[in-house]
């Protein structure tokens, strides 16, 4: 399990932040933040509370699930990973607003989901009352905001270092090796002060691209992009290989509960709907005309893009086992990831056509809505 979090997840998360297209990302930052933070919390509560109710009433097995366990599972399974969908979006050049709503949500949603997972998992196996909720909320806010600051500072340090230190034309390999340290350094620094390494790594990626990338020569910039993309591709492939091979571990199937898996799948779809449609309605009412509305076909596509993947599976590997239910939730997570990747991933192109969503749009020529004053400050 440590290999997943320490070795494999940081390059995936860092690459997502590093390759954010600032203009489109920050133009939709309000909507992205709402879907990623509020939406993930809604999804966590819908899945967690519903599973706890079904288990308490004896409608699914195991019938002795704790509320904290159900909320912990709700948090990990709310982390979306629409890799295949985004690959199709990129290949078909889908409208950038839709692309960055899905991409931006998945990037920040992973970080929020991991923090929620870590927060709720602390209460598994312990007695808890109403005060637990307040403690969990305070813990989440402190860890998330502290991790954002930590990641941002690490990105600024990378920018300062790349500006002050010049390796020369004969030491490009040393320069890239030093620059590549930022893949893992934010994670270790954040974890050492008991913050979230995943959140810190994400915002370190965004800050590094903004402050450090421009200090490199053009050749080094291309090398850095290649290194980060390759590292993310290799590690994500390793995660899915581990997922595929885990299917053949027959000892897992003693923890197989078809009722729990079916209920979890249906609740994931329902929670996604409770996330996307109400928030889209609220955002459309708040958005100005020039900002552009989130049209209904875009909302349907966002709902369909809620695949689960590497982050959910990695969290399931370290699910708290105080009550002996780790393998139950691990096999459930595996089934949900495989189902969503194969069915929803393969169905992306037909759904895009059925919803009549524009494709073949050049991202650089597409006029993004004007960002708010806050996001404009971030761009500058």
Protein backbone atom coordinates (compact mmCIF):
# COMPACT_ATOMS: atom_id res chain seq x y z
CA UNK A 1 0.00 0.00 0.00
CA UNK A 2 2.84 2.43 0.77
CA UNK A 3 4.19 1.95 -2.74
CA UNK A 4 0.88 3.21 -4.17
CA UNK A 5 0.80 6.42 -2.18
CA UNK A 6 4.50 7.22 -1.98
CA UNK A 7 5.80 5.80 -5.25
CA UNK A 8 2.96 5.87 -7.77
CA UNK A 9 0.44 8.60 -6.95
CA UNK A 10 2.70 11.72 -6.71
CA UNK A 11 3.81 11.66 -10.40
CA UNK A 12 0.18 11.23 -11.54
CA UNK A 13 -1.10 14.10 -9.40
CA UNK A 14 1.87 16.39 -10.12
CA UNK A 15 1.56 15.90 -13.87
CA UNK A 16 -2.14 16.83 -13.72
CA UNK A 17 -1.32 20.12 -12.02
CA UNK A 18 1.73 20.83 -14.18
CA UNK A 19 -0.15 20.51 -17.47
CA UNK A 20 -3.16 22.63 -16.53
CA UNK A 21 -4.01 25.16 -19.26
CA UNK A 22 -4.14 28.26 -17.05
CA UNK A 23 -6.45 30.40 -19.18
CA UNK A 24 -9.27 27.87 -19.46
CA UNK A 25 -8.69 26.32 -16.03
CA UNK A 26 -8.84 29.57 -14.08
CA UNK A 27 -11.66 30.97 -16.20
CA UNK A 28 -13.78 28.08 -14.91
CA UNK A 29 -12.12 27.94 -11.49
CA UNK A 30 -15.30 28.81 -9.56
CA UNK A 31 -17.29 26.01 -11.19
CA UNK A 32 -14.35 23.58 -10.94
CA UNK A 33 -13.94 24.35 -7.24
CA UNK A 34 -17.67 23.90 -6.61
CA UNK A 35 -17.81 20.52 -8.36
CA UNK A 36 -14.53 19.31 -6.86
CA UNK A 37 -15.08 20.39 -3.25
CA UNK A 38 -18.81 20.72 -2.60
CA UNK A 39 -19.64 18.00 -5.13
CA UNK A 40 -17.16 15.52 -3.63
CA UNK A 41 -18.57 16.16 -0.16
CA UNK A 42 -22.13 15.63 -1.45
CA UNK A 43 -21.09 12.40 -3.16
CA UNK A 44 -19.30 11.18 -0.03
CA UNK A 45 -22.33 11.81 2.17
CA UNK A 46 -24.84 10.29 -0.28
CA UNK A 47 -22.82 7.08 -0.70
CA UNK A 48 -21.70 6.82 2.93
CA UNK A 49 -25.02 7.55 4.66
CA UNK A 50 -27.01 5.42 2.20
CA UNK A 51 -24.70 2.42 2.62
CA UNK A 52 -24.84 2.79 6.39
CA UNK A 53 -28.65 2.83 6.28
CA UNK A 54 -28.83 -0.24 4.02
CA UNK A 55 -26.37 -2.11 6.24
CA UNK A 56 -28.15 -1.14 9.48
CA UNK A 57 -31.48 -2.35 8.07
CA UNK A 58 -29.91 -5.66 7.05
CA UNK A 59 -30.54 -5.10 3.32
CA UNK A 60 -26.90 -5.67 2.37
CA UNK A 61 -24.02 -7.64 3.86
CA UNK A 62 -21.97 -7.13 5.94
CA UNK A 63 -24.64 -5.90 8.32
CA UNK A 64 -22.20 -4.54 10.92
CA UNK A 65 -20.68 -1.65 8.95
CA UNK A 66 -19.85 1.43 11.01
CA UNK A 67 -20.86 4.92 9.89
CA UNK A 68 -17.21 5.97 9.81
CA UNK A 69 -16.38 3.01 7.54
CA UNK A 70 -19.19 3.89 5.14
CA UNK A 71 -18.13 7.54 5.00
CA UNK A 72 -14.51 6.51 4.45
CA UNK A 73 -15.59 4.32 1.55
CA UNK A 74 -17.84 7.12 0.26
CA UNK A 75 -14.82 9.45 0.22
CA UNK A 76 -12.51 7.09 -1.67
CA UNK A 77 -15.13 6.09 -4.24
CA UNK A 78 -15.99 9.76 -4.86
CA UNK A 79 -12.50 10.34 -6.32
CA UNK A 80 -13.11 10.37 -10.09
CA UNK A 81 -10.44 9.47 -12.63
CA UNK A 82 -11.79 9.96 -16.19
CA UNK A 83 -8.49 9.18 -17.92
CA UNK A 84 -10.04 7.40 -20.91
CA UNK A 85 -12.76 10.05 -21.25
CA UNK A 86 -10.24 12.90 -21.23
CA UNK A 87 -8.09 11.05 -23.77
CA UNK A 88 -11.11 10.91 -26.10
CA UNK A 89 -11.91 14.58 -25.35
CA UNK A 90 -8.35 15.55 -26.28
CA UNK A 91 -8.30 13.43 -29.45
CA UNK A 92 -11.65 14.81 -30.69
CA UNK A 93 -10.86 18.37 -29.49
CA UNK A 94 -14.02 18.73 -27.45
CA UNK A 95 -15.12 22.24 -26.45
CA UNK A 96 -12.48 23.48 -23.94
CA UNK A 97 -15.03 24.61 -21.33
CA UNK A 98 -16.37 21.05 -21.03
CA UNK A 99 -12.86 19.57 -21.16
CA UNK A 100 -11.58 21.74 -18.33
CA UNK A 101 -14.69 21.33 -16.19
CA UNK A 102 -14.19 17.54 -16.31
CA UNK A 103 -10.39 17.72 -16.12
CA UNK A 104 -10.26 20.39 -13.42
CA UNK A 105 -12.87 18.65 -11.31
CA UNK A 106 -11.04 15.32 -11.50
CA UNK A 107 -7.69 16.91 -10.56
CA UNK A 108 -8.90 18.76 -7.44
CA UNK A 109 -11.51 16.10 -6.67
CA UNK A 110 -8.74 13.49 -6.25
CA UNK A 111 -7.02 15.68 -3.68
CA UNK A 112 -10.26 16.45 -1.81
CA UNK A 113 -11.27 12.78 -1.86
CA UNK A 114 -7.93 11.69 -0.38
CA UNK A 115 -8.14 14.28 2.42
CA UNK A 116 -11.73 13.23 3.23
CA UNK A 117 -10.64 9.58 3.14
CA UNK A 118 -7.80 10.25 5.59
CA UNK A 119 -10.09 12.33 7.82
CA UNK A 120 -12.88 9.76 8.12
CA UNK A 121 -10.52 6.80 8.36
CA UNK A 122 -9.16 8.16 11.66
CA UNK A 123 -12.53 7.41 13.30
CA UNK A 124 -12.89 3.80 12.13
CA UNK A 125 -12.92 1.43 15.08
CA UNK A 126 -13.54 4.14 17.69
CA UNK A 127 -16.66 5.36 19.44
CA UNK A 128 -17.92 8.61 17.98
CA UNK A 129 -20.82 10.98 18.54
CA UNK A 130 -22.13 14.28 17.20
CA UNK A 131 -18.88 16.05 18.09
CA UNK A 132 -17.09 13.75 15.64
CA UNK A 133 -18.57 15.70 12.72
CA UNK A 134 -17.17 19.00 13.97
CA UNK A 135 -13.77 17.42 14.59
CA UNK A 136 -13.79 15.89 11.09
CA UNK A 137 -14.73 19.22 9.44
CA UNK A 138 -12.03 21.11 11.36
CA UNK A 139 -9.47 18.40 10.56
CA UNK A 140 -10.37 18.51 6.87
CA UNK A 141 -10.11 22.31 6.63
CA UNK A 142 -6.80 22.52 8.47
CA UNK A 143 -5.20 19.71 6.47
CA UNK A 144 -6.53 20.84 3.09
CA UNK A 145 -5.67 24.53 3.45
CA UNK A 146 -2.32 23.76 5.06
CA UNK A 147 -1.48 21.38 2.23
CA UNK A 148 -2.41 23.99 -0.40
CA UNK A 149 -0.06 26.50 1.23
CA UNK A 150 2.69 23.87 1.51
CA UNK A 151 2.40 22.93 -2.17
CA UNK A 152 2.32 26.55 -3.28
CA UNK A 153 5.44 27.36 -1.25
CA UNK A 154 7.27 24.36 -2.73
CA UNK A 155 6.36 25.57 -6.22
CA UNK A 156 7.69 29.03 -5.37
CA UNK A 157 10.90 27.47 -4.05
CA UNK A 158 11.28 25.54 -7.32
CA UNK A 159 10.75 28.79 -9.24
CA UNK A 160 13.32 30.65 -7.15
CA UNK A 161 15.82 27.82 -7.47
CA UNK A 162 15.42 27.61 -11.25
CA UNK A 163 15.97 31.37 -11.48
CA UNK A 164 19.07 31.58 -9.29
CA UNK A 165 20.85 28.34 -10.26
CA UNK A 166 22.16 27.98 -13.81
CA UNK A 167 23.59 24.61 -14.80
CA UNK A 168 24.96 25.60 -18.19
CA UNK A 169 24.64 23.88 -21.55
CA UNK A 170 26.87 20.93 -20.56
CA UNK A 171 24.85 19.92 -17.50
CA UNK A 172 21.32 19.54 -18.88
CA UNK A 173 20.95 16.07 -17.40
CA UNK A 174 21.82 17.40 -13.93
CA UNK A 175 19.36 20.26 -14.43
CA UNK A 176 16.55 17.85 -15.34
CA UNK A 177 17.41 15.53 -12.45
CA UNK A 178 17.25 18.45 -10.01
CA UNK A 179 14.03 19.74 -11.57
CA UNK A 180 12.45 16.27 -11.40
CA UNK A 181 12.92 16.25 -7.61
CA UNK A 182 9.85 18.45 -7.39
CA UNK A 183 7.80 15.37 -8.34
CA UNK A 184 8.27 13.87 -4.88
CA UNK A 185 9.66 16.64 -2.66
CA UNK A 186 6.28 18.35 -1.96
CA UNK A 187 4.78 15.01 -0.96
CA UNK A 188 7.51 14.20 1.57
CA UNK A 189 7.60 17.73 3.02
CA UNK A 190 3.80 17.82 3.47
CA UNK A 191 3.65 14.36 5.01
CA UNK A 192 6.48 15.22 7.40
CA UNK A 193 4.34 18.04 8.89
CA UNK A 194 1.20 15.82 8.87
CA UNK A 195 -0.44 17.55 5.92
CA UNK A 196 -1.75 15.84 2.76
CA UNK A 197 1.06 15.00 0.36
CA UNK A 198 -1.39 14.52 -2.51
CA UNK A 199 -2.92 18.01 -2.17
CA UNK A 200 0.53 19.58 -1.77
CA UNK A 201 1.80 17.76 -4.85
CA UNK A 202 -1.13 18.98 -6.96
CA UNK A 203 -0.68 22.65 -6.07
CA UNK A 204 3.09 22.33 -6.30
CA UNK A 205 2.59 21.18 -9.89
CA UNK A 206 0.42 24.22 -10.71
CA UNK A 207 2.84 26.64 -8.99
CA UNK A 208 5.94 25.03 -10.50
CA UNK A 209 4.55 25.37 -14.02
CA UNK A 210 3.73 29.04 -13.35
CA UNK A 211 6.94 30.11 -11.60
CA UNK A 212 9.68 27.66 -12.59
CA UNK A 213 8.83 26.44 -16.11
CA UNK A 214 9.43 29.85 -17.75
CA UNK A 215 12.92 30.05 -16.22
CA UNK A 216 14.05 27.03 -18.25
CA UNK A 217 15.36 27.19 -21.80
CA UNK A 218 12.93 26.03 -24.49
CA UNK A 219 14.73 22.70 -24.91
CA UNK A 220 14.66 22.07 -21.16
CA UNK A 221 10.97 23.00 -21.05
CA UNK A 222 10.17 20.29 -23.59
CA UNK A 223 12.31 17.78 -21.71
CA UNK A 224 10.55 18.60 -18.44
CA UNK A 225 7.11 18.15 -20.03
CA UNK A 226 8.21 14.80 -21.44
CA UNK A 227 9.68 13.58 -18.13
CA UNK A 228 6.57 14.45 -16.14
CA UNK A 229 4.19 12.97 -18.71
CA UNK A 230 6.25 9.81 -18.99
CA UNK A 231 6.47 9.41 -15.20
CA UNK A 232 2.70 9.85 -14.88
CA UNK A 233 2.02 7.41 -17.74
CA UNK A 234 4.33 4.73 -16.32
CA UNK A 235 2.99 4.99 -12.76
CA UNK A 236 -0.65 5.05 -13.84
CA UNK A 237 0.00 1.99 -16.01
CA UNK A 238 1.54 0.28 -12.97
CA UNK A 239 -1.57 1.06 -10.88
CA UNK A 240 -3.93 -0.40 -13.48
CA UNK A 241 -1.67 -3.44 -13.95
CA UNK A 242 -1.87 -4.02 -10.20
CA UNK A 243 -5.64 -3.61 -10.39
CA UNK A 244 -5.93 -6.11 -13.25
CA UNK A 245 -3.68 -8.67 -11.59
CA UNK A 246 -5.57 -8.30 -8.30
CA UNK A 247 -8.65 -9.70 -10.01
CA UNK A 248 -6.92 -13.10 -10.07
CA UNK A 249 -6.23 -13.10 -6.34
CA UNK A 250 -8.90 -15.61 -5.46
CA UNK A 251 -8.51 -15.04 -1.73
CA UNK A 252 -10.23 -11.67 -2.25
CA UNK A 253 -13.41 -13.38 -3.37
CA UNK A 254 -14.20 -14.66 0.09
CA UNK A 255 -15.01 -11.00 0.78
CA UNK A 256 -17.19 -10.68 -2.33
CA UNK A 257 -20.69 -9.36 -1.53
CA UNK A 258 -22.82 -8.90 -4.65
CA UNK A 259 -25.46 -6.87 -2.79
CA UNK A 260 -22.86 -4.39 -1.51
CA UNK A 261 -21.28 -4.06 -4.96
CA UNK A 262 -24.62 -3.52 -6.72
CA UNK A 263 -25.75 -1.00 -4.11
CA UNK A 264 -22.42 0.84 -4.31
CA UNK A 265 -22.56 1.08 -8.11
CA UNK A 266 -26.11 2.45 -8.07
CA UNK A 267 -25.26 4.87 -5.27
CA UNK A 268 -22.20 6.11 -7.19
CA UNK A 269 -24.44 6.97 -10.15
CA UNK A 270 -27.05 8.58 -7.88
CA UNK A 271 -24.42 10.54 -5.93
CA UNK A 272 -22.91 11.78 -9.19
CA UNK A 273 -26.33 13.06 -10.25
CA UNK A 274 -26.85 14.73 -6.85
CA UNK A 275 -23.51 16.42 -7.41
CA UNK A 276 -23.62 17.54 -11.05
CA UNK A 277 -27.19 18.68 -11.68
CA UNK A 278 -27.98 20.76 -8.54
CA UNK A 279 -24.57 22.45 -8.62
CA UNK A 280 -24.89 23.18 -12.35
CA UNK A 281 -28.29 24.76 -11.71
CA UNK A 282 -26.87 26.91 -8.91
CA UNK A 283 -23.81 27.91 -10.95
CA UNK A 284 -25.94 28.84 -13.98
CA UNK A 285 -28.04 31.13 -11.81
CA UNK A 286 -24.92 32.78 -10.40
CA UNK A 287 -23.01 33.06 -13.69
CA UNK A 288 -23.18 36.17 -15.81
CA UNK A 289 -24.24 35.94 -19.43
CA UNK A 290 -20.70 36.39 -20.78
CA UNK A 291 -19.43 33.56 -18.58
CA UNK A 292 -21.48 31.02 -20.51
CA UNK A 293 -23.97 28.55 -19.07
CA UNK A 294 -23.33 24.90 -18.35
CA UNK A 295 -25.78 23.52 -20.89
CA UNK A 296 -27.82 20.41 -20.19
CA UNK A 297 -25.89 18.27 -22.69
CA UNK A 298 -22.66 19.29 -20.93
CA UNK A 299 -24.19 18.33 -17.58
CA UNK A 300 -25.15 14.90 -18.94
CA UNK A 301 -21.59 14.43 -20.24
CA UNK A 302 -20.11 15.49 -16.90
CA UNK A 303 -22.33 12.95 -15.13
CA UNK A 304 -21.21 10.26 -17.57
CA UNK A 305 -17.54 11.18 -17.03
CA UNK A 306 -17.53 10.06 -13.39
CA UNK A 307 -15.22 7.08 -13.86
CA UNK A 308 -13.27 5.69 -10.91
CA UNK A 309 -9.63 4.73 -11.17
CA UNK A 310 -6.14 4.84 -9.68
CA UNK A 311 -6.79 7.05 -6.65
CA UNK A 312 -9.84 5.08 -5.47
CA UNK A 313 -7.97 1.78 -5.85
CA UNK A 314 -4.90 3.13 -4.03
CA UNK A 315 -7.04 4.37 -1.13
CA UNK A 316 -8.80 1.00 -0.92
CA UNK A 317 -5.39 -0.66 -0.48
CA UNK A 318 -4.91 1.23 2.80
CA UNK A 319 -8.53 1.14 3.99
CA UNK A 320 -8.55 0.94 7.82
CA UNK A 321 -8.92 -2.71 8.84
CA UNK A 322 -9.93 -2.22 12.50
CA UNK A 323 -13.18 -4.14 11.87
CA UNK A 324 -11.76 -6.60 9.32
CA UNK A 325 -13.57 -5.06 6.34
CA UNK A 326 -10.61 -3.90 4.23
CA UNK A 327 -10.90 -6.71 1.69
CA UNK A 328 -14.67 -6.21 1.46
CA UNK A 329 -14.23 -2.59 0.39
CA UNK A 330 -11.18 -3.41 -1.74
CA UNK A 331 -13.03 -5.96 -3.90
CA UNK A 332 -16.02 -3.59 -4.11
CA UNK A 333 -13.76 -0.77 -5.29
CA UNK A 334 -12.09 -3.06 -7.83
CA UNK A 335 -15.43 -4.04 -9.32
CA UNK A 336 -16.61 -0.40 -9.54
CA UNK A 337 -13.35 0.73 -11.19
CA UNK A 338 -13.44 -2.07 -13.76
CA UNK A 339 -17.13 -1.53 -14.50
CA UNK A 340 -16.87 2.24 -14.97
CA UNK A 341 -13.63 2.12 -16.99
CA UNK A 342 -14.84 -0.53 -19.43
CA UNK A 343 -18.45 0.60 -19.87
CA UNK A 344 -18.33 4.37 -19.48
CA UNK A 345 -14.85 4.73 -20.95
CA UNK A 346 -15.80 2.79 -24.08
CA UNK A 347 -19.11 4.65 -24.34
CA UNK A 348 -17.61 8.15 -24.42
CA UNK A 349 -17.66 8.65 -28.20
CA UNK A 350 -21.26 7.40 -28.73
CA UNK A 351 -22.48 9.57 -25.84
CA UNK A 352 -20.69 12.65 -27.22
CA UNK A 353 -22.42 12.12 -30.55
CA UNK A 354 -25.81 11.44 -28.96
CA UNK A 355 -25.56 14.63 -26.91
CA UNK A 356 -24.45 16.64 -29.97
CA UNK A 357 -21.42 18.13 -28.21
CA UNK A 358 -19.11 20.22 -30.38
CA UNK A 359 -15.81 18.62 -31.39
CA UNK A 360 -12.88 19.75 -33.52
CA UNK A 361 -12.51 22.97 -31.49
CA UNK A 362 -9.00 24.46 -31.42
CA UNK A 363 -8.21 25.19 -27.77
CA UNK A 364 -5.93 28.14 -28.58
CA UNK A 365 -8.55 29.82 -30.77
CA UNK A 366 -11.40 29.26 -28.33
CA UNK A 367 -12.29 32.40 -26.40
CA UNK A 368 -12.51 31.59 -22.72
CA UNK A 369 -14.89 33.55 -20.48
CA UNK A 370 -13.17 36.35 -18.52
CA UNK A 371 -11.86 35.19 -15.12
CA UNK A 372 -12.85 36.86 -11.85
CA UNK A 373 -10.53 39.38 -10.17
CA UNK A 374 -9.27 36.64 -7.83
CA UNK A 375 -8.43 34.20 -10.61
CA UNK A 376 -6.98 37.03 -12.71
CA UNK A 377 -4.55 37.69 -9.86
CA UNK A 378 -3.61 33.99 -9.89
CA UNK A 379 -2.97 34.17 -13.64
CA UNK A 380 -0.64 37.11 -13.17
